[in-house]
Each structure stands twice: as C-alpha cells, then as structure tokens.
Amino acid sequence: MKIHLYNYSMPIVFSYCDDVLRSMNYHIQHSDFKRGIISAVKGEAIRSSSLLDLKLSPEKFAVKIAVISSTLSNAFGNIYYDPVNEQEFIEKLFERLEAREIRIPSIAAVENYVEAMAV
C-alpha cells in the first residue's frame, strides 16, 4: 500500500513511523533514515512472525510511504500478505500525526493505493 502525507517533513514522518511500530510491539530490525527504510518484526519464533517494511520517500509537498507487510509461518515456511497489521499501522500513524481528513485528490483510484491529505 502506498500513502502520501501532505504538509509533513521526512524527519517527522520517519520518527512517527518508528514510534508507531514500537507501540505495536514490533522490534526494529533495520532503520536507515538516509535511505528511508524501516524493517520491523513481531511475533513468536515457534508460531509465526509479522513482518512490516516501510520505504519513505520525500516529494515536493509530501512524504510517500510504501508499506509492505507479510506474515511468516515458521511451521511451514510460508509467507502470506498481512493486511490486518498493515491497516492497524496506518490507522495508528494517522492518529499519531493527527490527520483529520483522508481523501483522494483528483487522481483516479488504483487498487491498494491510498492518498492521505492531512490538514
């Protein structure tokens, strides 16, 4: 899923993403501000692990966040798409940023693509 946060700076969004992941009990495996990457994992080693990767990119008037989530089943070695934790992360991030309005600007809707206008 891709999100555009308008009227925010890269350092603020990066910091809030890190805070939200920690509040969701994710362990940050890799964090690189210069490259705009955060990789996090949570879960038990025996059952399954939830993986969440973020790629942040500064744009002219926005910060773009690509959210990639999956669940790794350690018992069978399979990786599954995990929309539940992805949606929870986005909701908590919007709460943290106090984004009051979510709308699609004059761009055609694309599957798995969200435009977020924070005012």
Protein backbone atom coordinates (compact mmCIF):
# COMPACT_ATOMS: atom_id res chain seq x y z
CA MET A 1 0.00 0.00 0.00
CA LYS A 2 1.24 3.50 -0.75
CA ILE A 3 0.36 6.60 1.26
CA HIS A 4 1.12 10.24 0.54
CA LEU A 5 1.22 12.50 3.60
CA TYR A 6 0.99 16.12 2.53
CA ASN A 7 2.43 19.02 4.55
CA TYR A 8 4.76 16.84 6.62
CA SER A 9 8.54 16.65 6.60
CA MET A 10 10.57 13.47 6.19
CA PRO A 11 12.18 13.57 9.69
CA ILE A 12 8.81 13.95 11.43
CA VAL A 13 7.15 11.14 9.48
CA PHE A 14 10.16 8.84 9.90
CA SER A 15 10.18 9.45 13.66
CA TYR A 16 6.44 8.84 13.99
CA CYS A 17 6.64 5.64 11.93
CA ASP A 18 9.35 4.36 14.29
CA ASP A 19 7.24 5.31 17.36
CA VAL A 20 4.11 3.63 15.98
CA LEU A 21 5.95 0.39 15.21
CA ARG A 22 7.39 0.29 18.72
CA SER A 23 3.96 0.99 20.25
CA MET A 24 2.62 -2.00 18.26
CA ASN A 25 5.32 -4.21 19.86
CA TYR A 26 7.40 -4.52 16.71
CA HIS A 27 11.15 -4.97 17.04
CA ILE A 28 13.02 -2.69 14.62
CA GLN A 29 15.48 -4.87 12.69
CA HIS A 30 16.81 -2.17 10.38
CA SER A 31 16.34 1.60 10.35
CA ASP A 32 18.11 3.86 7.86
CA PHE A 33 16.94 7.48 7.66
CA LYS A 34 19.17 8.38 4.70
CA ARG A 35 17.64 5.63 2.56
CA GLY A 36 14.19 5.98 4.15
CA ILE A 37 13.89 2.34 5.20
CA ILE A 38 12.43 0.78 8.34
CA SER A 39 12.13 -3.02 8.72
CA ALA A 40 10.36 -4.45 11.74
CA VAL A 41 9.21 -7.83 13.02
CA LYS A 42 7.00 -9.08 15.83
CA GLY A 43 5.82 -12.49 16.88
CA GLU A 44 6.86 -15.73 18.43
CA ALA A 45 9.62 -17.77 16.83
CA ILE A 46 7.63 -21.03 17.19
CA ARG A 47 4.34 -19.98 15.55
CA SER A 48 4.60 -17.08 13.14
CA SER A 49 6.10 -13.64 12.73
CA SER A 50 4.57 -10.45 11.42
CA LEU A 51 6.90 -8.52 9.14
CA LEU A 52 6.44 -4.85 8.28
CA ASP A 53 8.73 -2.93 5.91
CA LEU A 54 8.43 0.78 5.20
CA LYS A 55 10.05 2.78 2.41
CA LEU A 56 9.75 6.55 2.88
CA SER A 57 10.45 8.97 0.05
CA PRO A 58 10.37 12.77 0.21
CA GLU A 59 8.37 14.51 -2.52
CA LYS A 60 7.80 18.18 -3.29
CA PHE A 61 4.89 18.74 -0.89
CA ALA A 62 4.55 15.30 0.67
CA VAL A 63 6.22 12.22 2.09
CA LYS A 64 5.38 8.96 0.33
CA ILE A 65 5.29 5.78 2.41
CA ALA A 66 5.24 2.35 0.81
CA VAL A 67 4.00 -0.19 3.38
CA ILE A 68 4.83 -3.85 2.74
CA SER A 69 3.51 -6.37 5.23
CA SER A 70 3.58 -10.13 5.49
CA THR A 71 3.22 -13.00 7.92
CA LEU A 72 5.86 -15.71 8.01
CA SER A 73 4.65 -19.09 9.19
CA ASN A 74 7.67 -20.73 10.79
CA ALA A 75 5.94 -24.09 11.00
CA PHE A 76 5.53 -24.36 7.22
CA GLY A 77 7.98 -21.73 5.96
CA ASN A 78 5.29 -19.85 4.03
CA ILE A 79 4.95 -16.07 3.69
CA TYR A 80 1.47 -14.53 3.47
CA TYR A 81 0.24 -10.99 2.83
CA ASP A 82 -0.87 -9.43 6.15
CA PRO A 83 -3.42 -6.64 5.55
CA VAL A 84 -4.61 -6.58 9.19
CA ASN A 85 -1.33 -5.38 10.72
CA GLU A 86 -0.75 -3.08 7.75
CA GLN A 87 -4.12 -1.38 8.29
CA GLU A 88 -3.52 -1.15 12.05
CA PHE A 89 -0.16 0.54 11.43
CA ILE A 90 -1.73 3.09 9.08
CA GLU A 91 -4.57 3.89 11.48
CA LYS A 92 -2.18 4.35 14.40
CA LEU A 93 0.13 6.51 12.27
CA PHE A 94 -2.79 8.76 11.30
CA GLU A 95 -3.79 9.04 14.97
CA ARG A 96 -0.23 9.98 15.90
CA LEU A 97 0.00 12.56 13.10
CA GLU A 98 -3.48 13.83 13.98
CA ALA A 99 -4.54 13.57 10.35
CA ARG A 100 -8.15 14.71 10.35
CA GLU A 101 -9.08 14.20 6.71
CA ILE A 102 -8.45 11.33 4.35
CA ARG A 103 -9.49 11.88 0.77
CA ILE A 104 -8.48 11.13 -2.77
CA PRO A 105 -7.39 14.21 -4.70
CA SER A 106 -8.18 14.45 -8.40
CA ILE A 107 -6.35 11.22 -9.21
CA ALA A 108 -8.01 8.05 -10.42
CA ALA A 109 -8.19 5.37 -7.74
CA VAL A 110 -5.77 2.47 -8.09
CA GLU A 111 -6.02 -0.81 -6.22
CA ASN A 112 -4.03 -0.78 -2.95
CA TYR A 113 -3.29 2.91 -3.28
CA VAL A 114 -4.36 5.49 -0.72
CA GLU A 115 -3.88 9.23 -0.91
CA ALA A 116 -3.95 10.82 2.53
CA MET A 117 -4.47 14.52 2.87
CA ALA A 118 -3.55 15.64 6.36
CA VAL A 119 -4.82 19.11 7.24
